[in-house]
N, C-alpha and C. Protein backbone atom coordinates (compact mmCIF):
# COMPACT_ATOMS: atom_id res chain seq x y z
N MET A 1 31.23 13.78 34.12
CA MET A 1 30.58 12.49 33.97
C MET A 1 30.21 11.95 35.35
N HIS A 2 29.15 11.22 35.40
CA HIS A 2 28.66 10.62 36.64
C HIS A 2 29.55 9.44 37.03
N PRO A 3 29.89 9.28 38.32
CA PRO A 3 30.83 8.22 38.72
C PRO A 3 30.34 6.79 38.48
N SER A 4 29.03 6.55 38.39
CA SER A 4 28.55 5.18 38.17
C SER A 4 28.38 4.85 36.69
N TRP A 5 28.69 5.79 35.81
CA TRP A 5 28.55 5.56 34.37
C TRP A 5 29.86 5.03 33.80
N ASN A 6 29.73 4.19 32.81
CA ASN A 6 30.88 3.64 32.10
C ASN A 6 30.79 4.09 30.64
N ILE A 7 31.83 4.77 30.15
CA ILE A 7 31.83 5.25 28.77
C ILE A 7 32.13 4.07 27.85
N LEU A 8 31.22 3.82 26.91
CA LEU A 8 31.37 2.74 25.95
C LEU A 8 32.03 3.21 24.67
N ARG A 9 31.69 4.44 24.24
CA ARG A 9 32.24 4.97 22.99
C ARG A 9 32.24 6.49 23.07
N PHE A 10 33.30 7.07 22.56
CA PHE A 10 33.42 8.53 22.56
C PHE A 10 33.90 8.98 21.19
N GLU A 11 33.07 9.79 20.53
CA GLU A 11 33.42 10.35 19.23
C GLU A 11 33.14 11.85 19.28
N GLU A 12 33.48 12.55 18.23
CA GLU A 12 33.32 14.01 18.22
C GLU A 12 31.88 14.43 18.48
N GLN A 13 30.92 13.77 17.88
CA GLN A 13 29.51 14.13 18.00
C GLN A 13 28.69 13.14 18.85
N LEU A 14 29.36 12.19 19.49
CA LEU A 14 28.62 11.13 20.18
C LEU A 14 29.36 10.64 21.41
N ILE A 15 28.65 10.52 22.49
CA ILE A 15 29.14 9.83 23.68
C ILE A 15 28.13 8.74 24.01
N GLU A 16 28.61 7.51 24.08
CA GLU A 16 27.75 6.38 24.43
C GLU A 16 28.21 5.86 25.79
N ALA A 17 27.28 5.87 26.75
CA ALA A 17 27.62 5.44 28.11
C ALA A 17 26.53 4.54 28.65
N GLU A 18 26.88 3.78 29.69
CA GLU A 18 25.89 2.95 30.36
C GLU A 18 26.02 3.15 31.86
N GLU A 19 24.89 2.99 32.52
CA GLU A 19 24.87 3.07 33.98
C GLU A 19 24.28 1.76 34.49
N LYS A 20 24.99 1.11 35.36
CA LYS A 20 24.50 -0.13 35.95
C LYS A 20 23.79 0.21 37.24
N ILE A 21 22.54 -0.25 37.33
CA ILE A 21 21.71 0.02 38.50
C ILE A 21 21.38 -1.32 39.14
N ASP A 22 21.70 -1.45 40.41
CA ASP A 22 21.49 -2.70 41.13
C ASP A 22 20.16 -2.67 41.87
N THR A 23 19.07 -2.78 41.09
CA THR A 23 17.73 -2.82 41.66
C THR A 23 16.79 -3.52 40.68
N ASP A 24 15.68 -3.98 41.16
CA ASP A 24 14.71 -4.64 40.29
C ASP A 24 13.85 -3.60 39.58
N CYS A 25 13.62 -3.82 38.30
CA CYS A 25 12.76 -2.91 37.54
C CYS A 25 11.32 -3.42 37.61
N ASP A 26 10.42 -2.73 36.93
CA ASP A 26 9.01 -3.11 36.95
C ASP A 26 8.73 -4.43 36.26
N ASN A 27 9.67 -4.97 35.50
CA ASN A 27 9.46 -6.24 34.80
C ASN A 27 10.06 -7.43 35.53
N HIS A 28 10.27 -7.31 36.83
CA HIS A 28 10.73 -8.43 37.66
C HIS A 28 9.59 -8.77 38.62
N TYR A 29 9.27 -10.05 38.66
CA TYR A 29 8.09 -10.47 39.41
C TYR A 29 8.43 -11.59 40.39
N LEU A 30 7.51 -11.82 41.33
CA LEU A 30 7.61 -12.93 42.25
C LEU A 30 6.28 -13.67 42.23
N LEU A 31 6.33 -14.98 41.98
CA LEU A 31 5.16 -15.84 42.02
C LEU A 31 5.21 -16.60 43.33
N LYS A 32 4.07 -16.67 44.00
CA LYS A 32 4.03 -17.37 45.27
C LYS A 32 2.67 -18.03 45.43
N LEU A 33 2.67 -19.22 46.02
CA LEU A 33 1.43 -19.94 46.30
C LEU A 33 0.88 -19.50 47.65
N ILE A 34 -0.34 -19.00 47.64
CA ILE A 34 -1.03 -18.63 48.87
C ILE A 34 -2.40 -19.28 48.82
N LYS A 35 -2.59 -20.24 49.73
CA LYS A 35 -3.79 -21.08 49.76
C LYS A 35 -3.91 -21.81 48.43
N ASP A 36 -4.94 -21.53 47.63
CA ASP A 36 -5.11 -22.23 46.35
C ASP A 36 -4.92 -21.28 45.17
N LYS A 37 -4.13 -20.22 45.37
CA LYS A 37 -3.90 -19.24 44.31
C LYS A 37 -2.41 -18.98 44.12
N ILE A 38 -2.04 -18.74 42.87
CA ILE A 38 -0.70 -18.24 42.59
C ILE A 38 -0.83 -16.73 42.54
N ILE A 39 -0.12 -16.07 43.41
CA ILE A 39 -0.15 -14.62 43.50
C ILE A 39 1.11 -14.08 42.84
N VAL A 40 0.93 -13.09 41.96
CA VAL A 40 2.06 -12.45 41.27
C VAL A 40 2.18 -11.02 41.76
N THR A 41 3.37 -10.66 42.23
CA THR A 41 3.66 -9.29 42.65
C THR A 41 4.91 -8.80 41.94
N GLN A 42 5.07 -7.49 41.88
CA GLN A 42 6.32 -6.93 41.38
C GLN A 42 7.34 -7.05 42.50
N LYS A 43 8.58 -7.37 42.12
CA LYS A 43 9.61 -7.52 43.15
C LYS A 43 9.92 -6.19 43.83
N ASN A 44 9.81 -5.09 43.08
CA ASN A 44 10.13 -3.80 43.69
C ASN A 44 8.92 -3.17 44.38
N ALA A 45 7.76 -3.82 44.31
CA ALA A 45 6.55 -3.35 45.00
C ALA A 45 5.74 -4.57 45.43
N PRO A 46 6.23 -5.33 46.41
CA PRO A 46 5.60 -6.60 46.77
C PRO A 46 4.19 -6.50 47.33
N ASP A 47 3.76 -5.31 47.72
CA ASP A 47 2.40 -5.15 48.23
C ASP A 47 1.36 -5.02 47.12
N ILE A 48 1.83 -4.80 45.89
CA ILE A 48 0.92 -4.63 44.76
C ILE A 48 0.75 -5.97 44.05
N ILE A 49 -0.47 -6.49 44.04
CA ILE A 49 -0.74 -7.77 43.38
C ILE A 49 -1.04 -7.51 41.92
N ILE A 50 -0.27 -8.13 41.05
CA ILE A 50 -0.42 -8.00 39.59
C ILE A 50 -1.47 -8.98 39.09
N SER A 51 -1.46 -10.19 39.64
CA SER A 51 -2.35 -11.23 39.16
C SER A 51 -2.61 -12.26 40.25
N GLU A 52 -3.79 -12.84 40.23
CA GLU A 52 -4.15 -13.97 41.09
C GLU A 52 -4.72 -15.06 40.20
N GLU A 53 -4.12 -16.23 40.25
CA GLU A 53 -4.58 -17.36 39.44
C GLU A 53 -4.96 -18.51 40.36
N LYS A 54 -6.23 -18.84 40.40
CA LYS A 54 -6.67 -20.00 41.18
C LYS A 54 -6.22 -21.26 40.46
N ILE A 55 -5.65 -22.21 41.22
CA ILE A 55 -5.18 -23.45 40.61
C ILE A 55 -5.70 -24.65 41.39
N ASN A 56 -5.66 -25.78 40.73
CA ASN A 56 -6.03 -27.05 41.33
C ASN A 56 -4.79 -27.60 42.03
N LEU A 57 -4.78 -27.59 43.35
CA LEU A 57 -3.60 -28.01 44.11
C LEU A 57 -3.26 -29.49 43.90
N SER A 58 -4.24 -30.29 43.53
CA SER A 58 -3.98 -31.72 43.34
C SER A 58 -3.08 -31.99 42.13
N MET A 59 -2.96 -31.00 41.22
CA MET A 59 -2.09 -31.20 40.06
C MET A 59 -0.62 -30.90 40.37
N LEU A 60 -0.34 -30.39 41.58
CA LEU A 60 1.03 -30.07 41.96
C LEU A 60 1.67 -31.21 42.73
N THR A 61 2.93 -31.45 42.45
CA THR A 61 3.69 -32.40 43.27
C THR A 61 4.08 -31.70 44.57
N GLU A 62 4.51 -32.47 45.53
CA GLU A 62 4.95 -31.86 46.80
C GLU A 62 6.14 -30.92 46.56
N ASN A 63 7.04 -31.30 45.65
CA ASN A 63 8.19 -30.46 45.32
C ASN A 63 7.73 -29.14 44.68
N ASP A 64 6.76 -29.22 43.77
CA ASP A 64 6.21 -28.01 43.14
C ASP A 64 5.63 -27.07 44.19
N ARG A 65 4.90 -27.65 45.14
CA ARG A 65 4.29 -26.82 46.20
C ARG A 65 5.35 -26.14 47.05
N GLU A 66 6.43 -26.87 47.36
CA GLU A 66 7.51 -26.28 48.16
C GLU A 66 8.16 -25.12 47.42
N ILE A 67 8.38 -25.30 46.11
CA ILE A 67 9.00 -24.25 45.30
C ILE A 67 8.08 -23.03 45.26
N LEU A 68 6.79 -23.25 45.00
CA LEU A 68 5.85 -22.14 44.94
C LEU A 68 5.63 -21.48 46.31
N ASP A 69 5.69 -22.27 47.37
CA ASP A 69 5.56 -21.70 48.71
C ASP A 69 6.71 -20.73 49.01
N SER A 70 7.90 -21.08 48.56
CA SER A 70 9.05 -20.20 48.82
C SER A 70 9.14 -19.06 47.81
N GLY A 71 8.48 -19.21 46.65
CA GLY A 71 8.43 -18.14 45.66
C GLY A 71 9.34 -18.40 44.47
N ILE A 72 8.89 -17.99 43.31
CA ILE A 72 9.66 -18.11 42.07
C ILE A 72 9.93 -16.71 41.56
N SER A 73 11.20 -16.41 41.38
CA SER A 73 11.61 -15.12 40.83
C SER A 73 11.54 -15.16 39.32
N VAL A 74 10.90 -14.17 38.71
CA VAL A 74 10.71 -14.12 37.27
C VAL A 74 11.28 -12.79 36.75
N ASN A 75 12.07 -12.87 35.68
CA ASN A 75 12.82 -11.70 35.22
C ASN A 75 12.26 -10.98 34.01
N SER A 76 11.09 -11.41 33.52
CA SER A 76 10.49 -10.71 32.38
C SER A 76 9.00 -11.04 32.31
N GLU A 77 8.27 -10.19 31.62
CA GLU A 77 6.83 -10.42 31.45
C GLU A 77 6.59 -11.67 30.60
N TYR A 78 7.44 -11.89 29.60
CA TYR A 78 7.32 -13.08 28.76
C TYR A 78 7.47 -14.36 29.60
N GLU A 79 8.51 -14.39 30.44
CA GLU A 79 8.74 -15.55 31.30
C GLU A 79 7.56 -15.74 32.26
N LEU A 80 7.02 -14.65 32.78
CA LEU A 80 5.86 -14.71 33.66
C LEU A 80 4.68 -15.35 32.95
N LEU A 81 4.39 -14.92 31.74
CA LEU A 81 3.26 -15.46 30.99
C LEU A 81 3.45 -16.95 30.68
N GLU A 82 4.68 -17.35 30.38
CA GLU A 82 4.95 -18.77 30.13
C GLU A 82 4.66 -19.62 31.37
N ILE A 83 5.11 -19.15 32.51
CA ILE A 83 4.89 -19.91 33.75
C ILE A 83 3.41 -19.98 34.08
N LEU A 84 2.72 -18.85 34.00
CA LEU A 84 1.30 -18.86 34.32
C LEU A 84 0.51 -19.75 33.37
N GLU A 85 0.90 -19.76 32.10
CA GLU A 85 0.23 -20.61 31.11
C GLU A 85 0.34 -22.09 31.47
N SER A 86 1.44 -22.47 32.08
CA SER A 86 1.64 -23.88 32.43
C SER A 86 0.69 -24.34 33.54
N PHE A 87 0.09 -23.41 34.26
CA PHE A 87 -0.87 -23.75 35.33
C PHE A 87 -2.31 -23.70 34.85
N ARG A 88 -2.55 -23.31 33.63
CA ARG A 88 -3.93 -23.20 33.12
C ARG A 88 -4.37 -24.48 32.47
């Protein structure tokens, strides 16, 4: 057995195990405000732009701009779509 695997169940015809991997998968994203656009990148490939959404900066509060300037971590495609929808 691999040392990073944890056996969950062991039966005569079945072994159920899990491996915990400490890295971001392709469904983890980072949203960041750059000029007048929200740029979406994958966390594990920050040079690849997934989406660019032009927004009206006047609709953002100063606090919203600070949060977007520092970046918002998103853990699923569904959560990403919800956030982007709120800016449309």
